[in-house]
Amino acid sequence: MHQVTGQVTLRLYSLFGSVSGRLIRQTGHRVPAIAIAREFDVPVSSVVPWGVPGGQGEVWRVSHARGIDAVKIFTVPAEPHRIPAEIEALSRVLHPNVVRFVGQSAIRVGADSYKYIRYEFIDGQSLDEALHVHRPTPSQLRALGRGILSGLVALHASSVVHRDLKPMNIVLRSNQWGQPVIIDFGLVRLIDQSTKTVYPWAHGTWPWMSPEQFAGERAFQRADVFASAIIIYQAGLGRHPFLALNELGPYPPPNYAQRFGQPIPLTGLSNGVAGVITRCLQPLAVRRPSAAQALDAWNRLP
């Protein structure tokens, strides 16, 4: 759902209710399976709709002789720079905790032509789905945090800011807590290129936005660090650091921005984990560690 006020767009998803990565029927997918099968020269039985169509398009699982790809087809008109930015971001990074880019092209469907991106298919649940079932043990939480932060270090070293890090955009490879993979770069920002965004504009999904994103300001690498801390907190305690479950709705609470600087409950987390999360959730970006600094602190936990 969206709230639009001037140039500020806020999006809401349930904390643990996403169907990201879940096999569903073709309902809602615009591109016919036979067109995709023809594009990749495979039987129609090798083409399966994956997940739920989103704001930019839809994803398909395509099996072929060389393996399995996830194919993201852009069926919804996007801002002109969005698709090239996503492709550029994916092309820059090769890391086990970041989805691997395979290629790009366009598919013809009748009189229409849709661009698509191919990337590795990750066999596993989204973190959102996994947390809906159970939380990780302390050792699994350590492995999860290490993987998420490692992926961010690789992204940030390549001048890539994800801007929409959330449990639905992390997939657990082989359903292993220690193998999180960051996906979905539809809102990516390349900080070494001039921005096309007109501010104020709040890119992201509001329960995981940093204070600067929520205020409609430019997001740099430490915005991703803030989001990662919320995610790790959720994984460890099963709740959001700034929200009660009954506050979930289409819009954030009126006083949500004021909560960023307030103490958060930490009971249930080890002192070391709590300390890293607290530093990463500092409301001022300059007071947060970089992803590399956070990972170093995480790796030194007793």
Protein backbone atom coordinates (compact mmCIF):
# COMPACT_ATOMS: atom_id res chain seq x y z
CA MET A 1 0.00 0.00 0.00
CA HIS A 2 1.15 3.55 -0.56
CA GLN A 3 0.79 6.87 1.13
CA VAL A 4 1.56 9.78 -1.14
CA THR A 5 2.03 13.24 0.32
CA GLY A 6 3.63 15.69 -2.07
CA GLN A 7 6.71 13.83 -3.26
CA VAL A 8 6.96 11.46 -0.34
CA THR A 9 5.98 7.84 -0.98
CA LEU A 10 5.79 5.36 1.91
CA ARG A 11 5.18 1.66 1.41
CA LEU A 12 4.06 -0.90 3.97
CA TYR A 13 4.46 -4.66 4.08
CA SER A 14 3.63 -6.96 6.97
CA LEU A 15 6.53 -7.72 9.28
CA PHE A 16 6.42 -11.46 8.75
CA GLY A 17 3.61 -12.02 6.26
CA SER A 18 5.25 -11.77 2.84
CA VAL A 19 4.84 -14.44 0.20
CA SER A 20 8.12 -13.43 -1.45
CA GLY A 21 9.71 -16.46 -3.09
CA ARG A 22 6.65 -18.64 -2.58
CA LEU A 23 5.39 -20.74 -5.46
CA ILE A 24 1.95 -19.57 -6.58
CA ARG A 25 -0.35 -20.07 -9.53
CA GLN A 26 -0.11 -17.77 -12.51
CA THR A 27 -2.90 -15.51 -11.23
CA GLY A 28 -1.77 -11.92 -11.57
CA HIS A 29 1.14 -12.65 -13.93
CA ARG A 30 0.69 -10.82 -17.24
CA VAL A 31 3.23 -12.61 -19.41
CA PRO A 32 2.05 -16.04 -20.63
CA ALA A 33 4.30 -18.96 -19.77
CA ILE A 34 4.44 -20.02 -23.40
CA ALA A 35 6.06 -16.72 -24.38
CA ILE A 36 8.79 -17.21 -21.77
CA ALA A 37 9.29 -20.82 -22.83
CA ARG A 38 9.74 -19.65 -26.42
CA GLU A 39 12.20 -16.95 -25.34
CA PHE A 40 14.42 -19.45 -23.51
CA ASP A 41 13.78 -22.41 -25.82
CA VAL A 42 12.50 -24.66 -23.04
CA PRO A 43 9.27 -26.63 -22.51
CA VAL A 44 6.37 -24.73 -20.94
CA SER A 45 6.64 -27.11 -17.98
CA SER A 46 10.06 -25.57 -17.22
CA VAL A 47 8.54 -22.13 -16.65
CA VAL A 48 6.89 -21.40 -13.30
CA PRO A 49 5.52 -18.10 -11.90
CA TRP A 50 7.33 -17.18 -8.68
CA GLY A 51 6.15 -14.95 -5.90
CA VAL A 52 3.55 -12.24 -6.31
CA PRO A 53 3.78 -9.58 -9.05
CA GLY A 54 5.09 -6.34 -7.60
CA GLY A 55 5.19 -2.68 -8.39
CA GLN A 56 7.57 -3.11 -11.33
CA GLY A 57 6.73 -6.50 -12.74
CA GLU A 58 6.83 -10.21 -12.09
CA VAL A 59 9.32 -13.02 -11.49
CA TRP A 60 9.48 -16.43 -13.14
CA ARG A 61 11.51 -19.56 -12.38
CA VAL A 62 13.01 -20.91 -15.59
CA SER A 63 14.76 -24.31 -15.71
CA HIS A 64 17.13 -24.99 -18.60
CA ALA A 65 20.05 -27.23 -19.49
CA ARG A 66 22.56 -25.04 -17.62
CA GLY A 67 20.52 -24.79 -14.41
CA ILE A 68 17.77 -22.53 -13.06
CA ASP A 69 17.36 -18.78 -13.45
CA ALA A 70 15.03 -16.28 -11.85
CA VAL A 71 13.69 -13.97 -14.55
CA LYS A 72 12.33 -10.57 -13.51
CA ILE A 73 10.12 -9.15 -16.24
CA PHE A 74 9.30 -5.44 -16.10
CA THR A 75 5.64 -5.33 -17.13
CA VAL A 76 4.86 -2.05 -15.37
CA PRO A 77 6.29 1.23 -16.69
CA ALA A 78 9.12 2.40 -14.45
CA GLU A 79 11.12 5.59 -14.08
CA PRO A 80 13.55 5.51 -17.04
CA HIS A 81 16.66 5.18 -14.89
CA ARG A 82 15.38 2.41 -12.60
CA ILE A 83 16.08 -0.66 -14.77
CA PRO A 84 19.56 0.46 -15.91
CA ALA A 85 20.45 1.27 -12.29
CA GLU A 86 19.34 -2.18 -11.11
CA ILE A 87 21.34 -3.87 -13.85
CA GLU A 88 24.40 -1.73 -13.12
CA ALA A 89 24.20 -2.50 -9.40
CA LEU A 90 23.85 -6.24 -9.95
CA SER A 91 26.71 -6.20 -12.45
CA ARG A 92 29.11 -4.57 -9.99
CA VAL A 93 28.96 -7.13 -7.20
CA LEU A 94 29.89 -10.80 -7.08
CA HIS A 95 29.43 -12.05 -3.52
CA PRO A 96 27.70 -15.09 -1.99
CA ASN A 97 25.42 -12.84 0.09
CA VAL A 98 24.23 -10.82 -2.93
CA VAL A 99 22.11 -12.27 -5.73
CA ARG A 100 24.20 -12.98 -8.84
CA PHE A 101 23.39 -11.23 -12.11
CA VAL A 102 23.17 -13.50 -15.18
CA GLY A 103 22.01 -11.31 -18.05
CA GLN A 104 19.38 -9.06 -19.55
CA SER A 105 17.25 -8.80 -22.68
CA ALA A 106 13.65 -8.15 -23.76
CA ILE A 107 10.73 -10.45 -24.49
CA ARG A 108 8.00 -9.95 -27.08
CA VAL A 109 4.41 -10.56 -26.02
CA GLY A 110 2.14 -9.76 -28.93
CA ALA A 111 2.69 -6.12 -29.84
CA ASP A 112 4.42 -5.41 -26.52
CA SER A 113 8.08 -5.73 -25.57
CA TYR A 114 9.14 -6.10 -21.93
CA LYS A 115 12.67 -5.83 -20.61
CA TYR A 116 13.82 -8.53 -18.25
CA ILE A 117 16.75 -9.35 -15.97
CA ARG A 118 18.07 -12.87 -15.39
CA TYR A 119 19.73 -13.69 -12.11
CA GLU A 120 20.52 -16.79 -10.11
CA PHE A 121 17.57 -18.65 -8.68
CA ILE A 122 18.03 -19.03 -4.94
CA ASP A 123 16.39 -22.17 -3.63
CA GLY A 124 15.12 -21.22 -0.19
CA GLN A 125 12.60 -19.22 1.80
CA SER A 126 12.65 -15.49 2.21
CA LEU A 127 13.78 -14.38 5.65
CA ASP A 128 10.27 -13.03 6.14
CA GLU A 129 8.79 -16.48 5.62
CA ALA A 130 11.38 -18.16 7.82
CA LEU A 131 10.71 -15.75 10.69
CA HIS A 132 7.01 -16.40 10.34
CA VAL A 133 7.73 -20.01 11.33
CA HIS A 134 10.38 -19.63 14.04
CA ARG A 135 13.28 -17.47 15.16
CA PRO A 136 16.94 -18.44 14.86
CA THR A 137 18.95 -19.68 17.82
CA PRO A 138 21.63 -17.31 19.16
CA SER A 139 24.32 -19.01 17.06
CA GLN A 140 22.08 -18.90 13.98
CA LEU A 141 21.39 -15.22 14.63
CA ARG A 142 25.14 -14.59 14.70
CA ALA A 143 25.51 -16.34 11.34
CA LEU A 144 22.54 -14.47 9.87
CA GLY A 145 23.87 -11.09 10.94
CA ARG A 146 27.33 -11.90 9.61
CA GLY A 147 25.89 -12.81 6.22
CA ILE A 148 23.68 -9.72 5.92
CA LEU A 149 26.48 -7.36 6.92
CA SER A 150 28.94 -9.13 4.62
CA GLY A 151 26.57 -8.58 1.70
CA LEU A 152 26.25 -4.90 2.60
CA VAL A 153 30.04 -4.50 2.79
CA ALA A 154 30.31 -5.84 -0.77
CA LEU A 155 27.52 -3.55 -2.02
CA HIS A 156 28.85 -0.45 -0.33
CA ALA A 157 32.39 -1.09 -1.55
CA SER A 158 30.92 -0.87 -5.06
CA SER A 159 29.08 2.42 -4.31
CA VAL A 160 25.71 0.64 -4.23
CA VAL A 161 23.03 1.56 -1.68
CA HIS A 162 20.13 -0.90 -1.61
CA ARG A 163 17.57 1.47 -0.01
CA ASP A 164 14.93 -1.25 0.46
CA LEU A 165 16.56 -3.82 2.71
CA LYS A 166 13.89 -5.81 4.56
CA PRO A 167 13.14 -9.45 5.44
CA MET A 168 11.21 -9.90 2.19
CA ASN A 169 14.31 -8.91 0.20
CA ILE A 170 16.57 -11.47 1.83
CA VAL A 171 16.44 -15.13 0.81
CA LEU A 172 18.02 -17.92 2.87
CA ARG A 173 19.99 -20.08 0.46
CA SER A 174 19.07 -23.74 1.08
CA ASN A 175 17.00 -22.41 4.02
CA GLN A 176 20.18 -21.87 6.02
CA TRP A 177 20.23 -18.97 8.49
CA GLY A 178 23.91 -18.48 7.79
CA GLN A 179 23.43 -18.03 4.04
CA PRO A 180 21.26 -14.92 3.57
CA VAL A 181 21.23 -13.46 0.06
CA ILE A 182 20.19 -9.86 -0.61
CA ILE A 183 17.82 -9.53 -3.57
CA ASP A 184 15.56 -6.97 -5.32
CA PHE A 185 17.51 -3.89 -6.35
CA GLY A 186 14.54 -1.99 -7.76
CA LEU A 187 15.17 1.05 -5.52
CA VAL A 188 18.95 0.94 -5.66
CA ARG A 189 21.05 4.10 -5.60
CA LEU A 190 24.50 4.35 -7.19
CA ILE A 191 26.21 7.04 -5.17
CA ASP A 192 29.05 7.49 -7.68
CA GLN A 193 26.54 8.66 -10.28
CA SER A 194 24.41 11.77 -10.32
CA THR A 195 21.01 11.18 -8.77
CA LYS A 196 17.83 11.27 -10.85
CA THR A 197 15.64 11.53 -7.76
CA VAL A 198 13.96 14.81 -6.89
CA TYR A 199 13.89 15.26 -3.11
CA PRO A 200 12.08 15.15 -0.75
CA TRP A 201 11.27 11.57 -1.72
CA ALA A 202 11.08 8.67 0.72
CA HIS A 203 12.29 5.61 -1.16
CA GLY A 204 11.93 2.32 0.68
CA THR A 205 9.46 0.41 2.84
CA TRP A 206 8.63 2.48 5.87
CA PRO A 207 9.08 -0.02 8.75
CA TRP A 208 12.72 -0.50 7.66
CA MET A 209 13.53 3.05 6.60
CA SER A 210 16.30 4.97 8.26
CA PRO A 211 15.35 8.33 9.79
CA GLU A 212 16.86 10.18 6.84
CA GLN A 213 14.88 8.10 4.35
CA PHE A 214 11.71 8.57 6.36
CA ALA A 215 12.28 12.32 6.22
CA GLY A 216 12.59 12.17 2.42
CA GLU A 217 16.32 12.89 2.40
CA ARG A 218 19.09 11.25 0.38
CA ALA A 219 20.02 7.76 1.53
CA PHE A 220 23.68 6.79 1.77
CA GLN A 221 25.28 3.51 2.89
CA ARG A 222 24.46 3.93 6.56
CA ALA A 223 20.75 3.86 5.73
CA ASP A 224 21.24 0.19 4.80
CA VAL A 225 23.09 -0.35 8.09
CA PHE A 226 20.07 1.02 9.97
CA ALA A 227 17.73 -1.35 8.09
CA SER A 228 20.01 -4.33 8.75
CA ALA A 229 19.89 -3.63 12.49
CA ILE A 230 16.09 -3.60 12.45
CA ILE A 231 16.11 -6.92 10.60
CA ILE A 232 18.58 -8.55 12.98
CA TYR A 233 16.59 -7.22 15.95
CA GLN A 234 13.40 -8.72 14.49
CA ALA A 235 15.13 -12.04 13.91
CA GLY A 236 16.43 -12.13 17.46
CA LEU A 237 13.34 -10.98 19.34
CA GLY A 238 10.42 -11.50 16.97
CA ARG A 239 9.28 -7.88 17.04
CA HIS A 240 10.11 -4.51 15.57
CA PRO A 241 12.25 -2.19 17.71
CA PHE A 242 9.96 0.82 17.18
CA LEU A 243 6.53 -0.68 16.48
CA ALA A 244 3.91 -2.75 18.28
CA LEU A 245 2.14 -5.37 16.18
CA ASN A 246 -1.18 -3.53 16.50
CA GLU A 247 0.41 -0.47 14.88
CA LEU A 248 0.82 -2.12 11.51
CA GLY A 249 -1.34 -0.48 8.90
CA PRO A 250 -1.14 1.45 5.66
CA TYR A 251 0.52 4.42 7.34
CA PRO A 252 3.13 4.83 10.08
CA PRO A 253 2.04 6.08 13.51
CA PRO A 254 1.90 9.90 13.73
CA ASN A 255 4.80 10.00 16.18
CA TYR A 256 6.92 7.36 14.45
CA ALA A 257 9.78 9.72 13.56
CA GLN A 258 10.14 10.69 17.23
CA ARG A 259 10.69 7.08 18.26
CA PHE A 260 14.03 6.74 16.49
CA GLY A 261 15.93 8.39 19.33
CA GLN A 262 14.17 6.53 22.15
CA PRO A 263 15.65 3.51 23.98
CA ILE A 264 14.54 0.15 22.60
CA PRO A 265 13.91 -3.07 24.57
CA LEU A 266 16.98 -5.32 24.41
CA THR A 267 16.08 -8.06 26.89
CA GLY A 268 16.67 -11.41 25.21
CA LEU A 269 19.74 -10.33 23.26
CA SER A 270 23.30 -10.88 24.41
CA ASN A 271 25.16 -7.75 25.50
CA GLY A 272 27.40 -7.91 22.46
CA VAL A 273 24.58 -8.27 19.93
CA ALA A 274 22.56 -5.58 21.71
CA GLY A 275 25.54 -3.24 21.59
CA VAL A 276 26.07 -3.59 17.84
CA ILE A 277 22.35 -3.16 17.13
CA THR A 278 22.15 -0.07 19.34
CA ARG A 279 25.06 1.57 17.51
CA CYS A 280 23.58 0.73 14.12
CA LEU A 281 20.20 2.22 15.12
CA GLN A 282 21.56 5.64 15.97
CA PRO A 283 19.13 8.22 14.53
CA LEU A 284 21.96 10.33 13.07
CA ALA A 285 23.68 8.57 10.18
CA VAL A 286 27.10 9.98 11.08
CA ARG A 287 26.91 8.23 14.45
CA ARG A 288 26.29 4.82 12.94
CA PRO A 289 29.14 2.51 11.97
CA SER A 290 29.74 1.70 8.34
CA ALA A 291 28.80 -1.80 7.23
CA ALA A 292 32.48 -2.78 7.39
CA GLN A 293 32.80 -1.42 10.94
CA ALA A 294 29.57 -3.15 12.00
CA LEU A 295 30.76 -6.44 10.51
CA ASP A 296 34.10 -6.12 12.29
CA ALA A 297 32.32 -5.52 15.60
CA TRP A 298 29.96 -8.43 14.87
CA ASN A 299 32.86 -10.79 14.13
CA ARG A 300 34.53 -9.82 17.41
CA LEU A 301 31.50 -10.70 19.54
CA PRO A 302 32.40 -13.14 22.33
